[in-house]
All heavy atoms as atom14 arrays in JSON, in Angstrom:
{
  "sequence": "YDQITLLEEKLKQYCKVAYKIKVYPGQVHGFAQLKPEDMKPDDKPYI",
  "atom14_mask": [
    [1, 1, 1, 1, 1, 1, 1, 1, 1, 1, 1, 1, 0, 0],
    [1, 1, 1, 1, 1, 1, 1, 1, 0, 0, 0, 0, 0, 0],
    [1, 1, 1, 1, 1, 1, 1, 1, 1, 0, 0, 0, 0, 0],
    [1, 1, 1, 1, 1, 1, 1, 1, 0, 0, 0, 0, 0, 0],
    [1, 1, 1, 1, 1, 1, 1, 0, 0, 0, 0, 0, 0, 0],
    [1, 1, 1, 1, 1, 1, 1, 1, 0, 0, 0, 0, 0, 0],
    [1, 1, 1, 1, 1, 1, 1, 1, 0, 0, 0, 0, 0, 0],
    [1, 1, 1, 1, 1, 1, 1, 1, 1, 0, 0, 0, 0, 0],
    [1, 1, 1, 1, 1, 1, 1, 1, 1, 0, 0, 0, 0, 0],
    [1, 1, 1, 1, 1, 1, 1, 1, 1, 0, 0, 0, 0, 0],
    [1, 1, 1, 1, 1, 1, 1, 1, 0, 0, 0, 0, 0, 0],
    [1, 1, 1, 1, 1, 1, 1, 1, 1, 0, 0, 0, 0, 0],
    [1, 1, 1, 1, 1, 1, 1, 1, 1, 0, 0, 0, 0, 0],
    [1, 1, 1, 1, 1, 1, 1, 1, 1, 1, 1, 1, 0, 0],
    [1, 1, 1, 1, 1, 1, 0, 0, 0, 0, 0, 0, 0, 0],
    [1, 1, 1, 1, 1, 1, 1, 1, 1, 0, 0, 0, 0, 0],
    [1, 1, 1, 1, 1, 1, 1, 0, 0, 0, 0, 0, 0, 0],
    [1, 1, 1, 1, 1, 0, 0, 0, 0, 0, 0, 0, 0, 0],
    [1, 1, 1, 1, 1, 1, 1, 1, 1, 1, 1, 1, 0, 0],
    [1, 1, 1, 1, 1, 1, 1, 1, 1, 0, 0, 0, 0, 0],
    [1, 1, 1, 1, 1, 1, 1, 1, 0, 0, 0, 0, 0, 0],
    [1, 1, 1, 1, 1, 1, 1, 1, 1, 0, 0, 0, 0, 0],
    [1, 1, 1, 1, 1, 1, 1, 0, 0, 0, 0, 0, 0, 0],
    [1, 1, 1, 1, 1, 1, 1, 1, 1, 1, 1, 1, 0, 0],
    [1, 1, 1, 1, 1, 1, 1, 0, 0, 0, 0, 0, 0, 0],
    [1, 1, 1, 1, 0, 0, 0, 0, 0, 0, 0, 0, 0, 0],
    [1, 1, 1, 1, 1, 1, 1, 1, 1, 0, 0, 0, 0, 0],
    [1, 1, 1, 1, 1, 1, 1, 0, 0, 0, 0, 0, 0, 0],
    [1, 1, 1, 1, 1, 1, 1, 1, 1, 1, 0, 0, 0, 0],
    [1, 1, 1, 1, 0, 0, 0, 0, 0, 0, 0, 0, 0, 0],
    [1, 1, 1, 1, 1, 1, 1, 1, 1, 1, 1, 0, 0, 0],
    [1, 1, 1, 1, 1, 0, 0, 0, 0, 0, 0, 0, 0, 0],
    [1, 1, 1, 1, 1, 1, 1, 1, 1, 0, 0, 0, 0, 0],
    [1, 1, 1, 1, 1, 1, 1, 1, 0, 0, 0, 0, 0, 0],
    [1, 1, 1, 1, 1, 1, 1, 1, 1, 0, 0, 0, 0, 0],
    [1, 1, 1, 1, 1, 1, 1, 0, 0, 0, 0, 0, 0, 0],
    [1, 1, 1, 1, 1, 1, 1, 1, 1, 0, 0, 0, 0, 0],
    [1, 1, 1, 1, 1, 1, 1, 1, 0, 0, 0, 0, 0, 0],
    [1, 1, 1, 1, 1, 1, 1, 1, 0, 0, 0, 0, 0, 0],
    [1, 1, 1, 1, 1, 1, 1, 1, 1, 0, 0, 0, 0, 0],
    [1, 1, 1, 1, 1, 1, 1, 0, 0, 0, 0, 0, 0, 0],
    [1, 1, 1, 1, 1, 1, 1, 1, 0, 0, 0, 0, 0, 0],
    [1, 1, 1, 1, 1, 1, 1, 1, 0, 0, 0, 0, 0, 0],
    [1, 1, 1, 1, 1, 1, 1, 1, 1, 0, 0, 0, 0, 0],
    [1, 1, 1, 1, 1, 1, 1, 0, 0, 0, 0, 0, 0, 0],
    [1, 1, 1, 1, 1, 1, 1, 1, 1, 1, 1, 1, 0, 0],
    [1, 1, 1, 1, 1, 1, 1, 1, 0, 0, 0, 0, 0, 0]
  ],
  "atom14_positions": [
    [[91.95, 102.21, 91.21], [90.84, 102.32, 92.15], [89.81, 101.2, 91.89], [89.2, 100.71, 92.85], [90.16, 103.72, 92.02], [89.5, 104.12, 93.29], [90.24, 104.53, 94.4], [88.09, 104.04, 93.4], [89.63, 104.88, 95.59], [87.47, 104.41, 94.59], [88.22, 104.79, 95.69], [87.61, 105.13, 96.86], [0.0, 0.0, 0.0], [0.0, 0.0, 0.0]],
    [[89.68, 100.82, 90.64], [88.74, 99.71, 90.27], [89.17, 98.42, 90.98], [88.28, 97.63, 91.42], [88.76, 99.45, 88.76], [88.19, 100.63, 87.99], [87.68, 101.54, 88.64], [88.31, 100.62, 86.76], [0.0, 0.0, 0.0], [0.0, 0.0, 0.0], [0.0, 0.0, 0.0], [0.0, 0.0, 0.0], [0.0, 0.0, 0.0], [0.0, 0.0, 0.0]],
    [[90.45, 98.16, 91.06], [90.93, 96.97, 91.75], [90.53, 96.98, 93.23], [90.16, 95.96, 93.75], [92.46, 96.85, 91.58], [92.93, 96.43, 90.24], [94.45, 96.4, 90.17], [95.11, 97.41, 90.3], [95.0, 95.23, 90.01], [0.0, 0.0, 0.0], [0.0, 0.0, 0.0], [0.0, 0.0, 0.0], [0.0, 0.0, 0.0], [0.0, 0.0, 0.0]],
    [[90.7, 98.15, 93.83], [90.39, 98.28, 95.27], [88.87, 98.09, 95.48], [88.47, 97.39, 96.41], [90.84, 99.62, 95.82], [92.38, 99.77, 95.64], [90.45, 99.81, 97.26], [92.94, 101.15, 95.93], [0.0, 0.0, 0.0], [0.0, 0.0, 0.0], [0.0, 0.0, 0.0], [0.0, 0.0, 0.0], [0.0, 0.0, 0.0], [0.0, 0.0, 0.0]],
    [[88.07, 98.64, 94.6], [86.63, 98.48, 94.68], [86.2, 97.04, 94.55], [85.38, 96.52, 95.28], [85.92, 99.32, 93.55], [86.5, 100.63, 93.57], [84.44, 99.43, 93.79], [0.0, 0.0, 0.0], [0.0, 0.0, 0.0], [0.0, 0.0, 0.0], [0.0, 0.0, 0.0], [0.0, 0.0, 0.0], [0.0, 0.0, 0.0], [0.0, 0.0, 0.0]],
    [[86.86, 96.34, 93.59], [86.57, 94.92, 93.39], [86.96, 94.14, 94.64], [86.22, 93.25, 95.05], [87.3, 94.41, 92.13], [87.02, 92.95, 91.82], [85.59, 92.8, 91.21], [88.02, 92.39, 90.83], [0.0, 0.0, 0.0], [0.0, 0.0, 0.0], [0.0, 0.0, 0.0], [0.0, 0.0, 0.0], [0.0, 0.0, 0.0], [0.0, 0.0, 0.0]],
    [[88.13, 94.44, 95.18], [88.58, 93.74, 96.42], [87.52, 93.89, 97.5], [87.18, 92.91, 98.14], [89.9, 94.33, 96.86], [90.5, 93.79, 98.18], [90.94, 92.36, 98.05], [91.66, 94.66, 98.68], [0.0, 0.0, 0.0], [0.0, 0.0, 0.0], [0.0, 0.0, 0.0], [0.0, 0.0, 0.0], [0.0, 0.0, 0.0], [0.0, 0.0, 0.0]],
    [[87.0, 95.09, 97.63], [86.0, 95.4, 98.67], [84.74, 94.53, 98.44], [84.2, 93.92, 99.34], [85.64, 96.86, 98.65], [84.91, 97.32, 99.88], [85.41, 98.69, 100.33], [85.81, 99.52, 99.49], [85.34, 98.95, 101.56], [0.0, 0.0, 0.0], [0.0, 0.0, 0.0], [0.0, 0.0, 0.0], [0.0, 0.0, 0.0], [0.0, 0.0, 0.0]],
    [[84.27, 94.51, 97.19], [83.08, 93.73, 96.83], [83.25, 92.25, 97.1], [82.35, 91.6, 97.66], [82.77, 93.92, 95.33], [82.1, 95.24, 95.01], [82.06, 95.52, 93.49], [82.33, 94.56, 92.72], [81.76, 96.66, 93.09], [0.0, 0.0, 0.0], [0.0, 0.0, 0.0], [0.0, 0.0, 0.0], [0.0, 0.0, 0.0], [0.0, 0.0, 0.0]],
    [[84.41, 91.75, 96.71], [84.71, 90.31, 96.84], [84.86, 89.9, 98.32], [84.41, 88.83, 98.72], [85.94, 89.9, 96.06], [85.79, 90.1, 94.56], [84.97, 88.94, 93.97], [85.02, 88.97, 92.48], [84.21, 87.92, 91.89], [0.0, 0.0, 0.0], [0.0, 0.0, 0.0], [0.0, 0.0, 0.0], [0.0, 0.0, 0.0], [0.0, 0.0, 0.0]],
    [[85.52, 90.74, 99.11], [85.66, 90.49, 100.52], [84.29, 90.43, 101.21], [84.04, 89.58, 102.05], [86.59, 91.49, 101.18], [88.09, 91.34, 100.86], [88.91, 92.47, 101.46], [88.66, 90.01, 101.35], [0.0, 0.0, 0.0], [0.0, 0.0, 0.0], [0.0, 0.0, 0.0], [0.0, 0.0, 0.0], [0.0, 0.0, 0.0], [0.0, 0.0, 0.0]],
    [[83.46, 91.38, 100.84], [82.09, 91.42, 101.39], [81.38, 90.11, 101.12], [80.63, 89.59, 101.97], [81.32, 92.59, 100.76], [80.26, 93.2, 101.62], [79.74, 94.51, 101.02], [80.58, 95.71, 101.43], [80.04, 96.97, 100.85], [0.0, 0.0, 0.0], [0.0, 0.0, 0.0], [0.0, 0.0, 0.0], [0.0, 0.0, 0.0], [0.0, 0.0, 0.0]],
    [[81.64, 89.57, 99.96], [80.99, 88.33, 99.53], [81.56, 87.09, 100.18], [80.81, 86.2, 100.59], [81.14, 88.27, 98.0], [80.11, 87.34, 97.33], [80.31, 87.4, 95.82], [80.93, 88.34, 95.26], [79.82, 86.41, 95.12], [0.0, 0.0, 0.0], [0.0, 0.0, 0.0], [0.0, 0.0, 0.0], [0.0, 0.0, 0.0], [0.0, 0.0, 0.0]],
    [[82.9, 86.99, 100.26], [83.55, 85.71, 100.6], [84.25, 85.69, 101.98], [84.48, 84.62, 102.5], [84.59, 85.34, 99.55], [84.01, 85.02, 98.21], [84.03, 85.99, 97.21], [83.43, 83.79, 97.95], [83.47, 85.72, 95.96], [82.9, 83.49, 96.69], [82.9, 84.48, 95.71], [82.34, 84.2, 94.49], [0.0, 0.0, 0.0], [0.0, 0.0, 0.0]],
    [[84.58, 86.86, 102.52], [85.42, 86.88, 103.71], [84.56, 86.71, 104.98], [83.61, 87.44, 105.16], [86.22, 88.17, 103.78], [87.41, 88.19, 105.08], [0.0, 0.0, 0.0], [0.0, 0.0, 0.0], [0.0, 0.0, 0.0], [0.0, 0.0, 0.0], [0.0, 0.0, 0.0], [0.0, 0.0, 0.0], [0.0, 0.0, 0.0], [0.0, 0.0, 0.0]],
    [[84.95, 85.74, 105.82], [84.17, 85.44, 107.02], [84.81, 86.01, 108.32], [84.32, 85.86, 109.41], [83.99, 83.94, 107.18], [83.25, 83.33, 105.99], [83.26, 81.79, 106.07], [82.71, 81.15, 104.81], [83.65, 81.24, 103.68], [0.0, 0.0, 0.0], [0.0, 0.0, 0.0], [0.0, 0.0, 0.0], [0.0, 0.0, 0.0], [0.0, 0.0, 0.0]],
    [[85.92, 86.66, 108.15], [86.64, 87.28, 109.34], [86.67, 88.8, 109.2], [86.25, 89.32, 108.18], [88.07, 86.7, 109.45], [88.07, 85.22, 109.74], [88.89, 87.02, 108.22], [0.0, 0.0, 0.0], [0.0, 0.0, 0.0], [0.0, 0.0, 0.0], [0.0, 0.0, 0.0], [0.0, 0.0, 0.0], [0.0, 0.0, 0.0], [0.0, 0.0, 0.0]],
    [[87.15, 89.48, 110.24], [87.24, 90.94, 110.21], [88.23, 91.36, 109.14], [89.31, 90.76, 108.97], [87.65, 91.44, 111.55], [0.0, 0.0, 0.0], [0.0, 0.0, 0.0], [0.0, 0.0, 0.0], [0.0, 0.0, 0.0], [0.0, 0.0, 0.0], [0.0, 0.0, 0.0], [0.0, 0.0, 0.0], [0.0, 0.0, 0.0], [0.0, 0.0, 0.0]],
    [[87.87, 92.39, 108.36], [88.82, 92.96, 107.39], [88.55, 94.47, 107.31], [87.52, 94.97, 107.73], [88.68, 92.31, 106.03], [87.38, 92.59, 105.35], [87.18, 93.73, 104.59], [86.31, 91.7, 105.51], [85.95, 93.97, 103.96], [85.07, 91.97, 104.9], [84.9, 93.11, 104.15], [83.7, 93.37, 103.57], [0.0, 0.0, 0.0], [0.0, 0.0, 0.0]],
    [[89.51, 95.17, 106.74], [89.36, 96.62, 106.57], [90.16, 97.04, 105.35], [91.23, 96.48, 105.09], [89.9, 97.27, 107.85], [89.75, 98.83, 107.88], [90.26, 99.31, 109.25], [90.37, 100.81, 109.29], [90.87, 101.29, 110.58], [0.0, 0.0, 0.0], [0.0, 0.0, 0.0], [0.0, 0.0, 0.0], [0.0, 0.0, 0.0], [0.0, 0.0, 0.0]],
    [[89.63, 97.99, 104.63], [90.35, 98.59, 103.47], [90.32, 100.09, 103.72], [89.31, 100.64, 104.01], [89.61, 98.27, 102.13], [89.65, 96.75, 101.87], [90.28, 99.03, 100.98], [88.79, 96.34, 100.66], [0.0, 0.0, 0.0], [0.0, 0.0, 0.0], [0.0, 0.0, 0.0], [0.0, 0.0, 0.0], [0.0, 0.0, 0.0], [0.0, 0.0, 0.0]],
    [[91.5, 100.69, 103.53], [91.57, 102.15, 103.68], [92.47, 102.77, 102.61], [93.57, 102.2, 102.38], [92.05, 102.5, 105.1], [91.92, 104.02, 105.42], [92.04, 104.26, 106.92], [92.19, 105.74, 107.19], [92.32, 106.03, 108.63], [0.0, 0.0, 0.0], [0.0, 0.0, 0.0], [0.0, 0.0, 0.0], [0.0, 0.0, 0.0], [0.0, 0.0, 0.0]],
    [[92.03, 103.84, 102.02], [92.83, 104.54, 100.98], [93.21, 105.9, 101.53], [92.39, 106.65, 102.01], [92.01, 104.67, 99.71], [92.81, 105.39, 98.61], [91.52, 103.3, 99.18], [0.0, 0.0, 0.0], [0.0, 0.0, 0.0], [0.0, 0.0, 0.0], [0.0, 0.0, 0.0], [0.0, 0.0, 0.0], [0.0, 0.0, 0.0], [0.0, 0.0, 0.0]],
    [[94.51, 106.21, 101.47], [95.02, 107.46, 102.06], [95.18, 108.53, 100.97], [95.87, 108.3, 99.97], [96.35, 107.2, 102.8], [96.11, 106.25, 103.96], [95.99, 104.88, 103.75], [95.98, 106.75, 105.26], [95.68, 104.01, 104.8], [95.72, 105.88, 106.32], [95.55, 104.53, 106.08], [95.27, 103.71, 107.14], [0.0, 0.0, 0.0], [0.0, 0.0, 0.0]],
    [[94.56, 109.67, 101.15], [94.53, 110.72, 100.1], [95.9, 111.18, 99.63], [96.81, 111.36, 100.46], [93.81, 111.89, 100.81], [93.02, 111.29, 101.92], [93.8, 110.08, 102.34], [0.0, 0.0, 0.0], [0.0, 0.0, 0.0], [0.0, 0.0, 0.0], [0.0, 0.0, 0.0], [0.0, 0.0, 0.0], [0.0, 0.0, 0.0], [0.0, 0.0, 0.0]],
    [[96.01, 111.29, 98.32], [97.23, 111.88, 97.69], [98.47, 111.04, 97.8], [99.57, 111.52, 97.39], [0.0, 0.0, 0.0], [0.0, 0.0, 0.0], [0.0, 0.0, 0.0], [0.0, 0.0, 0.0], [0.0, 0.0, 0.0], [0.0, 0.0, 0.0], [0.0, 0.0, 0.0], [0.0, 0.0, 0.0], [0.0, 0.0, 0.0], [0.0, 0.0, 0.0]],
    [[98.41, 109.83, 98.33], [99.64, 109.07, 98.6], [99.98, 108.15, 97.44], [99.14, 107.47, 96.85], [99.48, 108.26, 99.88], [99.3, 109.14, 101.12], [100.3, 110.28, 101.18], [101.52, 110.03, 101.3], [99.85, 111.51, 101.09], [0.0, 0.0, 0.0], [0.0, 0.0, 0.0], [0.0, 0.0, 0.0], [0.0, 0.0, 0.0], [0.0, 0.0, 0.0]],
    [[101.3, 108.09, 97.12], [101.83, 107.24, 96.05], [102.3, 105.9, 96.61], [102.32, 105.7, 97.83], [103.0, 107.96, 95.31], [102.52, 109.23, 94.64], [104.18, 108.2, 96.23], [0.0, 0.0, 0.0], [0.0, 0.0, 0.0], [0.0, 0.0, 0.0], [0.0, 0.0, 0.0], [0.0, 0.0, 0.0], [0.0, 0.0, 0.0], [0.0, 0.0, 0.0]],
    [[102.66, 105.02, 95.72], [103.16, 103.69, 96.1], [104.38, 103.86, 97.0], [105.26, 104.67, 96.77], [103.57, 102.93, 94.84], [103.76, 101.48, 95.06], [102.68, 100.61, 95.15], [104.88, 100.7, 95.19], [103.16, 99.37, 95.35], [104.47, 99.45, 95.35], [0.0, 0.0, 0.0], [0.0, 0.0, 0.0], [0.0, 0.0, 0.0], [0.0, 0.0, 0.0]],
    [[104.43, 103.06, 98.07], [105.58, 103.12, 98.96], [105.51, 104.16, 100.06], [106.5, 104.31, 100.77], [0.0, 0.0, 0.0], [0.0, 0.0, 0.0], [0.0, 0.0, 0.0], [0.0, 0.0, 0.0], [0.0, 0.0, 0.0], [0.0, 0.0, 0.0], [0.0, 0.0, 0.0], [0.0, 0.0, 0.0], [0.0, 0.0, 0.0], [0.0, 0.0, 0.0]],
    [[104.43, 104.89, 100.14], [104.37, 106.05, 101.06], [104.57, 105.72, 102.54], [105.22, 106.47, 103.26], [103.08, 106.85, 100.88], [101.84, 106.23, 101.53], [101.41, 106.73, 102.75], [101.11, 105.21, 100.92], [100.26, 106.19, 103.35], [99.98, 104.67, 101.52], [99.57, 105.18, 102.76], [0.0, 0.0, 0.0], [0.0, 0.0, 0.0], [0.0, 0.0, 0.0]],
    [[104.1, 104.58, 102.99], [104.06, 104.3, 104.42], [105.41, 103.85, 104.99], [105.57, 103.72, 106.2], [102.95, 103.29, 104.74], [0.0, 0.0, 0.0], [0.0, 0.0, 0.0], [0.0, 0.0, 0.0], [0.0, 0.0, 0.0], [0.0, 0.0, 0.0], [0.0, 0.0, 0.0], [0.0, 0.0, 0.0], [0.0, 0.0, 0.0], [0.0, 0.0, 0.0]],
    [[106.39, 103.66, 104.18], [107.72, 103.23, 104.66], [108.67, 104.36, 104.97], [109.7, 104.13, 105.55], [108.39, 102.32, 103.62], [107.85, 100.93, 103.5], [107.81, 100.45, 102.1], [106.89, 100.75, 101.36], [108.82, 99.77, 101.69], [0.0, 0.0, 0.0], [0.0, 0.0, 0.0], [0.0, 0.0, 0.0], [0.0, 0.0, 0.0], [0.0, 0.0, 0.0]],
    [[108.33, 105.57, 104.53], [109.27, 106.65, 104.62], [109.69, 107.0, 106.06], [108.85, 107.05, 106.89], [108.72, 107.9, 103.93], [108.57, 107.81, 102.4], [107.8, 109.01, 101.89], [109.92, 107.77, 101.73], [0.0, 0.0, 0.0], [0.0, 0.0, 0.0], [0.0, 0.0, 0.0], [0.0, 0.0, 0.0], [0.0, 0.0, 0.0], [0.0, 0.0, 0.0]],
    [[110.97, 107.23, 106.26], [111.46, 107.69, 107.54], [111.11, 109.18, 107.68], [110.99, 109.89, 106.69], [112.97, 107.49, 107.58], [113.41, 106.03, 107.44], [114.85, 105.76, 107.72], [115.82, 106.46, 106.8], [115.68, 106.1, 105.38], [0.0, 0.0, 0.0], [0.0, 0.0, 0.0], [0.0, 0.0, 0.0], [0.0, 0.0, 0.0], [0.0, 0.0, 0.0]],
    [[110.97, 109.67, 108.94], [110.5, 111.04, 109.12], [111.27, 112.1, 108.31], [110.63, 112.96, 107.71], [110.74, 111.27, 110.62], [110.62, 109.94, 111.24], [111.18, 108.96, 110.21], [0.0, 0.0, 0.0], [0.0, 0.0, 0.0], [0.0, 0.0, 0.0], [0.0, 0.0, 0.0], [0.0, 0.0, 0.0], [0.0, 0.0, 0.0], [0.0, 0.0, 0.0]],
    [[112.58, 111.95, 108.21], [113.35, 112.96, 107.5], [113.19, 112.9, 105.96], [113.59, 113.8, 105.24], [114.85, 112.89, 107.85], [115.52, 111.57, 107.65], [115.36, 110.6, 108.83], [114.34, 110.69, 109.51], [116.27, 109.82, 109.04], [0.0, 0.0, 0.0], [0.0, 0.0, 0.0], [0.0, 0.0, 0.0], [0.0, 0.0, 0.0], [0.0, 0.0, 0.0]],
    [[112.54, 111.8, 105.48], [112.3, 111.68, 104.06], [110.88, 111.99, 103.64], [110.51, 111.91, 102.48], [112.63, 110.23, 103.61], [114.09, 109.88, 103.8], [114.94, 110.79, 103.62], [114.4, 108.74, 104.16], [0.0, 0.0, 0.0], [0.0, 0.0, 0.0], [0.0, 0.0, 0.0], [0.0, 0.0, 0.0], [0.0, 0.0, 0.0], [0.0, 0.0, 0.0]],
    [[110.07, 112.41, 104.61], [108.64, 112.71, 104.36], [108.49, 114.16, 103.87], [109.16, 115.03, 104.38], [107.81, 112.57, 105.63], [107.71, 111.17, 106.19], [106.79, 111.26, 107.77], [107.1, 109.59, 108.37], [0.0, 0.0, 0.0], [0.0, 0.0, 0.0], [0.0, 0.0, 0.0], [0.0, 0.0, 0.0], [0.0, 0.0, 0.0], [0.0, 0.0, 0.0]],
    [[107.6, 114.33, 102.9], [107.23, 115.71, 102.53], [106.16, 116.18, 103.54], [105.34, 115.4, 103.93], [106.68, 115.73, 101.11], [107.72, 115.32, 100.04], [107.17, 115.63, 98.65], [108.21, 115.29, 97.59], [108.12, 113.9, 97.16], [0.0, 0.0, 0.0], [0.0, 0.0, 0.0], [0.0, 0.0, 0.0], [0.0, 0.0, 0.0], [0.0, 0.0, 0.0]],
    [[106.22, 117.48, 103.9], [105.27, 117.97, 104.91], [103.79, 117.67, 104.61], [103.04, 117.33, 105.51], [105.53, 119.47, 104.92], [106.94, 119.64, 104.43], [107.17, 118.54, 103.45], [0.0, 0.0, 0.0], [0.0, 0.0, 0.0], [0.0, 0.0, 0.0], [0.0, 0.0, 0.0], [0.0, 0.0, 0.0], [0.0, 0.0, 0.0], [0.0, 0.0, 0.0]],
    [[103.4, 117.76, 103.31], [102.0, 117.5, 102.96], [101.61, 116.02, 103.19], [100.44, 115.71, 103.42], [101.74, 117.84, 101.5], [101.77, 119.35, 101.27], [101.84, 120.11, 102.25], [101.68, 119.76, 100.1], [0.0, 0.0, 0.0], [0.0, 0.0, 0.0], [0.0, 0.0, 0.0], [0.0, 0.0, 0.0], [0.0, 0.0, 0.0], [0.0, 0.0, 0.0]],
    [[102.6, 115.14, 103.02], [102.31, 113.69, 103.15], [102.38, 113.2, 104.56], [101.78, 112.18, 104.9], [103.32, 112.9, 102.29], [103.2, 113.23, 100.81], [102.05, 113.53, 100.37], [104.21, 113.21, 100.1], [0.0, 0.0, 0.0], [0.0, 0.0, 0.0], [0.0, 0.0, 0.0], [0.0, 0.0, 0.0], [0.0, 0.0, 0.0], [0.0, 0.0, 0.0]],
    [[103.15, 113.9, 105.39], [103.46, 113.42, 106.74], [102.24, 112.99, 107.54], [102.22, 111.89, 108.11], [104.23, 114.53, 107.48], [104.92, 114.04, 108.76], [105.81, 115.13, 109.31], [106.63, 114.54, 110.45], [106.4, 115.1, 111.73], [0.0, 0.0, 0.0], [0.0, 0.0, 0.0], [0.0, 0.0, 0.0], [0.0, 0.0, 0.0], [0.0, 0.0, 0.0]],
    [[101.15, 113.8, 107.57], [99.97, 113.37, 108.37], [99.38, 112.04, 107.9], [98.95, 111.25, 108.74], [98.95, 114.51, 108.17], [99.7, 115.64, 107.59], [100.94, 115.1, 106.95], [0.0, 0.0, 0.0], [0.0, 0.0, 0.0], [0.0, 0.0, 0.0], [0.0, 0.0, 0.0], [0.0, 0.0, 0.0], [0.0, 0.0, 0.0], [0.0, 0.0, 0.0]],
    [[99.39, 111.82, 106.59], [98.82, 110.59, 106.07], [99.72, 109.38, 106.33], [99.24, 108.3, 106.61], [98.54, 110.71, 104.56], [97.54, 111.79, 104.27], [97.91, 112.97, 103.62], [96.21, 111.67, 104.67], [97.02, 113.98, 103.35], [95.3, 112.66, 104.4], [95.71, 113.83, 103.75], [94.8, 114.84, 103.49], [0.0, 0.0, 0.0], [0.0, 0.0, 0.0]],
    [[101.04, 109.6, 106.25], [101.99, 108.53, 106.53], [101.85, 108.15, 108.0], [101.78, 106.94, 108.34], [103.44, 109.0, 106.22], [103.58, 109.29, 104.71], [104.46, 107.93, 106.65], [104.87, 110.0, 104.33], [0.0, 0.0, 0.0], [0.0, 0.0, 0.0], [0.0, 0.0, 0.0], [0.0, 0.0, 0.0], [0.0, 0.0, 0.0], [0.0, 0.0, 0.0]]
  ]
}
């Protein structure tokens, strides 16, 4: 989480174009690639 916070701080400082950072609750690495049949019901809404 510290890395993400730092990214946010640095982008605020140096980035001159539109950017966005979003953290999805309870999700592990690789979560957004899962096919529907491989999703757990609790994770599905976030994916």
